[in-house]
N, C-alpha and C. Protein backbone atom coordinates (compact mmCIF):
# COMPACT_ATOMS: atom_id res chain seq x y z
N ALA A 1 109.83 -70.98 -37.19
CA ALA A 1 108.35 -72.34 -37.68
C ALA A 1 109.55 -72.09 -36.58
N PHE A 2 111.56 -71.69 -36.57
CA PHE A 2 112.12 -72.14 -34.52
C PHE A 2 111.01 -71.61 -34.00
N LEU A 3 111.08 -69.99 -34.36
CA LEU A 3 110.67 -69.12 -32.97
C LEU A 3 109.45 -69.64 -33.04
N LEU A 4 108.27 -70.18 -33.45
CA LEU A 4 107.04 -70.35 -32.95
C LEU A 4 107.32 -71.35 -32.00
N ARG A 5 108.15 -72.15 -32.83
CA ARG A 5 109.12 -73.96 -31.44
C ARG A 5 109.17 -73.23 -30.26
N LEU A 6 109.89 -72.45 -30.16
CA LEU A 6 111.12 -71.37 -29.07
C LEU A 6 109.81 -70.81 -27.78
N GLY A 7 109.05 -70.82 -28.37
CA GLY A 7 107.18 -70.15 -27.74
C GLY A 7 106.41 -71.03 -27.37
N VAL A 8 106.03 -71.60 -28.08
CA VAL A 8 106.04 -73.08 -27.33
C VAL A 8 106.53 -73.92 -26.07
N GLY A 9 107.96 -73.82 -26.30
CA GLY A 9 108.84 -74.98 -25.79
C GLY A 9 108.41 -73.76 -24.43
N LEU A 10 108.41 -72.59 -24.41
CA LEU A 10 108.87 -71.76 -22.86
C LEU A 10 107.08 -71.14 -22.85
N TRP A 11 106.03 -71.64 -23.29
CA TRP A 11 104.58 -71.74 -23.08
C TRP A 11 104.33 -72.90 -21.79
N LEU A 12 105.49 -74.44 -23.12
CA LEU A 12 104.78 -75.66 -21.89
C LEU A 12 105.95 -75.86 -20.90
N THR A 13 106.50 -75.41 -21.05
CA THR A 13 107.98 -75.05 -19.55
C THR A 13 106.91 -73.97 -18.13
N ARG A 14 106.22 -72.51 -19.13
CA ARG A 14 105.63 -72.56 -17.97
C ARG A 14 104.29 -73.44 -17.15
N GLY A 15 103.54 -74.54 -18.19
CA GLY A 15 103.11 -75.08 -17.43
C GLY A 15 103.16 -76.08 -16.68
N LEU A 16 104.69 -77.08 -17.37
CA LEU A 16 105.46 -77.17 -16.19
C LEU A 16 105.20 -76.88 -14.79
N LEU A 17 106.75 -75.56 -14.95
CA LEU A 17 106.38 -75.41 -13.73
C LEU A 17 104.66 -75.27 -12.57
N ARG A 18 103.55 -74.83 -13.59
CA ARG A 18 102.52 -74.72 -12.92
C ARG A 18 101.93 -75.91 -12.15
N SER A 19 102.00 -77.14 -13.16
CA SER A 19 102.03 -78.31 -12.84
C SER A 19 102.46 -78.80 -11.51
N SER A 20 103.28 -78.83 -10.94
CA SER A 20 104.79 -79.37 -10.49
C SER A 20 104.11 -78.34 -9.25
N ARG A 21 104.33 -79.28 -8.44
CA ARG A 21 104.63 -79.24 -6.64
C ARG A 21 105.96 -79.25 -5.61
N ALA A 22 106.15 -78.54 -4.72
CA ALA A 22 107.30 -77.83 -4.49
C ALA A 22 107.06 -79.61 -3.31
N THR A 23 108.61 -79.01 -2.92
CA THR A 23 109.48 -80.16 -1.52
C THR A 23 109.85 -79.46 -0.83
N ARG A 24 110.61 -80.25 0.01
CA ARG A 24 110.58 -79.32 1.35
C ARG A 24 112.25 -78.42 1.11
N ILE A 25 112.85 -78.87 -0.54
CA ILE A 25 114.40 -78.41 -0.38
C ILE A 25 114.04 -76.62 -1.15
N ALA A 26 115.21 -76.46 -0.90
CA ALA A 26 115.92 -75.50 -2.19
C ALA A 26 117.53 -75.13 -1.21
N THR A 27 118.38 -75.15 -2.95
CA THR A 27 119.72 -75.78 -3.19
C THR A 27 120.07 -74.40 -2.64
N GLU A 28 121.53 -73.08 -2.08
CA GLU A 28 121.47 -72.28 -2.68
C GLU A 28 120.32 -71.20 -3.82
N GLY A 29 119.69 -70.67 -2.88
CA GLY A 29 118.61 -70.15 -3.09
C GLY A 29 117.80 -70.72 -4.09
N VAL A 30 117.78 -71.87 -5.48
CA VAL A 30 117.22 -72.22 -5.79
C VAL A 30 115.66 -73.51 -5.37
N GLU A 31 114.83 -72.95 -5.80
CA GLU A 31 114.06 -73.80 -5.46
C GLU A 31 113.82 -74.75 -6.38
N VAL A 32 112.94 -75.72 -5.68
CA VAL A 32 113.19 -77.84 -6.05
C VAL A 32 111.36 -77.69 -5.79
N ARG A 33 111.17 -78.38 -7.40
CA ARG A 33 109.67 -79.15 -7.07
C ARG A 33 109.75 -80.37 -7.92
N THR A 34 108.83 -80.66 -7.88
CA THR A 34 108.47 -82.42 -8.90
C THR A 34 107.59 -82.67 -9.43
N SER A 35 107.31 -82.86 -10.19
CA SER A 35 106.10 -83.59 -11.41
C SER A 35 106.47 -84.78 -11.84
N ASP A 36 105.23 -85.40 -11.92
CA ASP A 36 104.87 -86.41 -12.90
C ASP A 36 105.70 -86.59 -14.37
N ARG A 37 105.24 -85.40 -15.00
CA ARG A 37 105.69 -84.77 -16.38
C ARG A 37 106.60 -84.55 -16.19
N VAL A 38 107.84 -84.71 -16.20
CA VAL A 38 109.49 -85.67 -15.59
C VAL A 38 109.94 -86.90 -15.51
N THR A 39 110.74 -87.34 -16.40
CA THR A 39 111.12 -88.51 -16.26
C THR A 39 112.73 -88.07 -15.20
N ALA A 40 113.44 -86.60 -15.59
CA ALA A 40 114.60 -87.11 -15.78
C ALA A 40 114.66 -85.38 -15.00
N PRO A 41 115.70 -84.73 -14.07
CA PRO A 41 115.89 -83.14 -14.15
C PRO A 41 116.05 -83.30 -14.89
N VAL A 42 114.90 -81.64 -14.07
CA VAL A 42 115.10 -80.11 -15.16
C VAL A 42 115.47 -79.42 -14.35
N THR A 43 116.04 -78.02 -15.33
CA THR A 43 116.12 -76.53 -14.72
C THR A 43 115.45 -75.55 -15.62
N SER A 44 114.95 -74.60 -15.20
CA SER A 44 114.59 -74.22 -15.49
C SER A 44 114.69 -72.55 -15.62
N GLY A 45 114.10 -71.77 -15.94
CA GLY A 45 114.39 -69.85 -15.35
C GLY A 45 114.92 -69.27 -15.94
N ILE A 46 115.29 -67.95 -15.42
CA ILE A 46 116.76 -66.87 -15.84
C ILE A 46 117.23 -66.27 -14.27
N PHE A 47 115.74 -65.57 -13.90
CA PHE A 47 115.42 -64.59 -12.19
C PHE A 47 115.63 -65.67 -11.43
N ARG A 48 114.23 -66.18 -11.56
CA ARG A 48 113.80 -67.43 -10.13
C ARG A 48 113.64 -68.70 -10.69
N SER A 49 115.28 -68.98 -10.74
CA SER A 49 115.56 -70.59 -11.41
C SER A 49 114.81 -71.78 -10.19
N THR A 50 114.72 -72.71 -11.31
CA THR A 50 113.81 -74.16 -10.54
C THR A 50 113.78 -75.21 -10.79
N ILE A 51 114.27 -76.15 -10.79
CA ILE A 51 115.12 -77.56 -9.85
C ILE A 51 113.64 -78.19 -10.39
N VAL A 52 113.17 -79.04 -11.00
CA VAL A 52 112.42 -79.70 -11.33
C VAL A 52 112.42 -81.44 -11.51
N LEU A 53 112.79 -81.92 -10.20
CA LEU A 53 112.49 -83.92 -10.10
C LEU A 53 111.39 -84.30 -10.64
N PRO A 54 111.83 -86.17 -10.30
CA PRO A 54 110.51 -86.34 -11.10
C PRO A 54 110.50 -87.21 -9.95
N VAL A 55 109.04 -87.71 -9.94
CA VAL A 55 108.54 -87.61 -8.62
C VAL A 55 109.16 -88.97 -7.93
N ASP A 56 109.89 -89.93 -8.72
CA ASP A 56 110.73 -90.57 -7.52
C ASP A 56 111.24 -90.40 -6.84
N TRP A 57 111.93 -89.03 -6.86
CA TRP A 57 113.26 -88.37 -6.25
C TRP A 57 113.15 -89.25 -4.81
N GLU A 58 112.37 -89.33 -4.00
CA GLU A 58 112.02 -89.41 -3.29
C GLU A 58 113.24 -91.26 -2.52
N GLU A 59 112.64 -91.51 -3.55
CA GLU A 59 113.54 -92.71 -2.97
C GLU A 59 114.38 -92.86 -3.65
N TRP A 60 115.61 -91.81 -4.37
CA TRP A 60 117.17 -91.80 -4.06
C TRP A 60 117.37 -92.29 -2.42
N ASP A 61 119.38 -92.18 -2.94
CA ASP A 61 119.61 -92.27 -1.88
C ASP A 61 120.21 -91.20 -1.57
N ARG A 62 120.82 -89.83 -0.75
CA ARG A 62 120.93 -89.40 0.03
C ARG A 62 122.76 -87.82 -1.49
N ALA A 63 123.52 -89.24 -1.51
CA ALA A 63 124.39 -88.82 -1.93
C ALA A 63 123.53 -89.40 -3.71
N LYS A 64 122.79 -90.06 -4.61
CA LYS A 64 122.43 -89.83 -5.48
C LYS A 64 121.86 -88.09 -5.49
N LEU A 65 121.00 -87.65 -5.12
CA LEU A 65 120.60 -86.62 -4.85
C LEU A 65 120.62 -85.25 -4.20
N ASP A 66 121.92 -85.66 -3.95
CA ASP A 66 122.54 -84.36 -3.66
C ASP A 66 124.06 -84.06 -4.33
N ALA A 67 123.94 -84.96 -5.12
CA ALA A 67 125.17 -84.89 -6.87
C ALA A 67 123.94 -84.53 -7.86
N VAL A 68 122.95 -84.83 -7.72
CA VAL A 68 121.74 -84.05 -9.20
C VAL A 68 121.92 -83.01 -8.89
N LEU A 69 121.44 -82.77 -7.71
CA LEU A 69 121.54 -80.87 -7.23
C LEU A 69 122.43 -79.84 -7.16
N ALA A 70 123.36 -81.28 -7.42
CA ALA A 70 125.04 -79.73 -7.10
C ALA A 70 125.38 -79.91 -8.79
N HIS A 71 124.69 -81.17 -10.21
CA HIS A 71 124.62 -80.74 -11.03
C HIS A 71 123.32 -79.52 -11.43
N GLU A 72 123.34 -79.93 -11.10
CA GLU A 72 121.62 -78.74 -12.08
C GLU A 72 122.24 -77.70 -11.35
N VAL A 73 122.11 -77.28 -10.35
CA VAL A 73 122.64 -75.90 -9.32
C VAL A 73 123.82 -75.07 -10.29
N SER A 74 124.33 -75.91 -11.31
CA SER A 74 125.76 -75.93 -11.63
C SER A 74 125.13 -75.21 -13.12
N HIS A 75 124.46 -75.62 -13.44
CA HIS A 75 123.64 -75.11 -14.85
C HIS A 75 122.90 -73.30 -13.99
N VAL A 76 122.68 -73.67 -13.18
CA VAL A 76 122.12 -72.25 -12.57
C VAL A 76 123.17 -70.82 -12.69
N ARG A 77 124.60 -71.28 -12.45
CA ARG A 77 125.62 -70.50 -12.04
C ARG A 77 125.98 -70.54 -12.80
N ARG A 78 125.99 -70.53 -14.41
CA ARG A 78 126.39 -71.33 -15.59
C ARG A 78 125.67 -69.78 -16.06
N TRP A 79 124.38 -69.78 -15.21
CA TRP A 79 123.72 -69.30 -16.46
C TRP A 79 122.88 -70.06 -18.10
N VAL A 80 123.56 -71.29 -17.67
CA VAL A 80 122.81 -72.22 -18.60
C VAL A 80 121.36 -71.65 -19.08
N PRO A 81 120.69 -71.96 -18.67
CA PRO A 81 118.64 -71.61 -18.91
C PRO A 81 119.32 -70.12 -20.09
N ALA A 82 119.78 -68.97 -19.43
CA ALA A 82 119.69 -68.24 -20.67
C ALA A 82 120.65 -68.16 -21.64
N VAL A 83 121.43 -69.41 -21.48
CA VAL A 83 122.66 -68.35 -23.03
C VAL A 83 121.43 -69.39 -23.76
N GLN A 84 121.04 -70.40 -23.67
CA GLN A 84 120.42 -71.19 -24.57
C GLN A 84 119.05 -70.34 -25.27
N LEU A 85 118.59 -69.56 -23.62
CA LEU A 85 117.34 -68.76 -24.46
C LEU A 85 117.97 -68.21 -25.75
N VAL A 86 118.98 -67.28 -24.98
CA VAL A 86 119.85 -65.69 -26.35
C VAL A 86 119.85 -66.20 -27.69
N SER A 87 120.35 -67.81 -27.31
CA SER A 87 121.20 -68.60 -28.08
C SER A 87 120.28 -69.08 -29.63
N ALA A 88 118.87 -68.92 -28.70
CA ALA A 88 117.59 -69.78 -29.66
C ALA A 88 117.23 -68.40 -30.59
N ILE A 89 117.52 -67.71 -30.83
CA ILE A 89 117.33 -66.64 -30.95
C ILE A 89 117.94 -66.46 -32.63
N PRO A 90 119.02 -66.48 -33.05
CA PRO A 90 119.72 -66.22 -34.43
C PRO A 90 119.23 -67.51 -34.40
N ARG A 91 119.56 -68.57 -33.96
CA ARG A 91 118.71 -69.77 -34.80
C ARG A 91 117.74 -69.46 -35.21
N GLY A 92 116.54 -69.24 -34.25
CA GLY A 92 115.72 -68.81 -35.55
C GLY A 92 114.84 -68.22 -36.37
N LEU A 93 116.35 -66.44 -36.56
CA LEU A 93 116.84 -66.17 -37.66
C LEU A 93 116.79 -66.45 -38.85
N PHE A 94 117.89 -67.49 -38.73
CA PHE A 94 119.08 -68.10 -39.81
C PHE A 94 118.63 -69.82 -40.05
N TRP A 95 117.88 -70.27 -39.26
CA TRP A 95 117.48 -71.59 -39.69
C TRP A 95 116.90 -71.34 -40.99
N PRO A 96 117.39 -72.93 -41.16
CA PRO A 96 118.72 -73.27 -41.12
C PRO A 96 119.98 -73.35 -41.72
N GLY A 97 120.80 -71.88 -41.91
CA GLY A 97 122.04 -71.69 -42.66
C GLY A 97 122.74 -71.64 -41.88
N PRO A 98 123.74 -71.63 -41.75
CA PRO A 98 124.85 -72.18 -41.46
C PRO A 98 125.06 -71.21 -39.51
N PRO A 99 125.31 -70.08 -39.73
CA PRO A 99 125.11 -69.64 -38.28
C PRO A 99 124.47 -70.73 -37.57
N GLU A 100 123.84 -71.04 -37.71
CA GLU A 100 122.75 -71.58 -36.81
C GLU A 100 123.40 -73.06 -35.95
N HIS A 101 123.71 -74.03 -37.27
CA HIS A 101 124.86 -74.35 -37.34
C HIS A 101 125.90 -75.36 -35.75
N GLY A 102 126.62 -74.39 -36.19
CA GLY A 102 127.37 -74.26 -34.46
C GLY A 102 126.76 -73.71 -33.69
N MET A 103 125.86 -73.31 -33.35
CA MET A 103 124.99 -72.72 -31.64
C MET A 103 124.12 -74.28 -31.79
N ALA A 104 123.68 -75.44 -32.08
CA ALA A 104 122.16 -76.06 -32.04
C ALA A 104 123.26 -77.42 -31.84
N GLU A 105 124.99 -77.19 -31.25
CA GLU A 105 125.23 -78.64 -30.64
C GLU A 105 125.53 -78.54 -29.22
N ASP A 106 125.23 -76.93 -28.41
CA ASP A 106 125.57 -77.35 -27.21
C ASP A 106 124.73 -77.39 -26.41
N ASP A 107 124.60 -78.35 -25.72
CA ASP A 107 123.41 -79.13 -24.64
C ASP A 107 123.00 -77.92 -22.92
N GLY A 108 124.12 -77.31 -23.06
CA GLY A 108 124.82 -76.19 -21.93
C GLY A 108 124.86 -77.46 -20.61
N GLU A 109 125.07 -79.00 -21.48
CA GLU A 109 125.53 -79.84 -20.63
C GLU A 109 127.23 -79.50 -19.82
N GLY A 110 127.96 -79.49 -21.18
CA GLY A 110 129.78 -79.59 -21.09
C GLY A 110 130.10 -79.55 -19.77
N PRO A 111 130.97 -79.81 -19.07
CA PRO A 111 131.54 -80.18 -18.42
C PRO A 111 131.00 -80.18 -17.22
N THR A 112 130.06 -79.59 -16.96
CA THR A 112 129.06 -80.73 -15.54
C THR A 112 129.06 -82.53 -16.56
N ASP A 113 128.51 -83.04 -16.87
CA ASP A 113 128.45 -84.38 -16.78
C ASP A 113 129.97 -85.00 -16.97
N THR A 114 130.90 -84.67 -16.69
CA THR A 114 132.21 -85.29 -16.23
C THR A 114 132.89 -85.36 -14.90
C-alpha cells in the first residue's frame, strides 16, 4: 500500500512540475517555478532539482524571497529529496513494522528551520 502511495505521489509531483510556470529566477543552478497548486514552497527532484513557489511569491519582499530560496536550496544541497525517496522504500516494504517508525519522523527540515 505504501509503495502505491509513493508511486502516486511521484506521479502527482510530475504533474505539478509540468503544470507549473517558469519564473525568471534561478538560484545556484536550481530552476524556480510557480504554481497555483501549492500554498508553500516545494523542492522536488534529485538530479534536476526544481523549487516551486506559490503564485503570490511576487508580492513577497526581497528579504523573504531570498530567505525562502536559501532554505529550499539547502534541501537540494543536503540531498533531502533523494534521502526521502530512498527511505520510502523500506517504509513501504516493512510498513507498519518497527523499522519504519524511526524513518517516518524525519521530514528533511531538521536544522534548516532554525
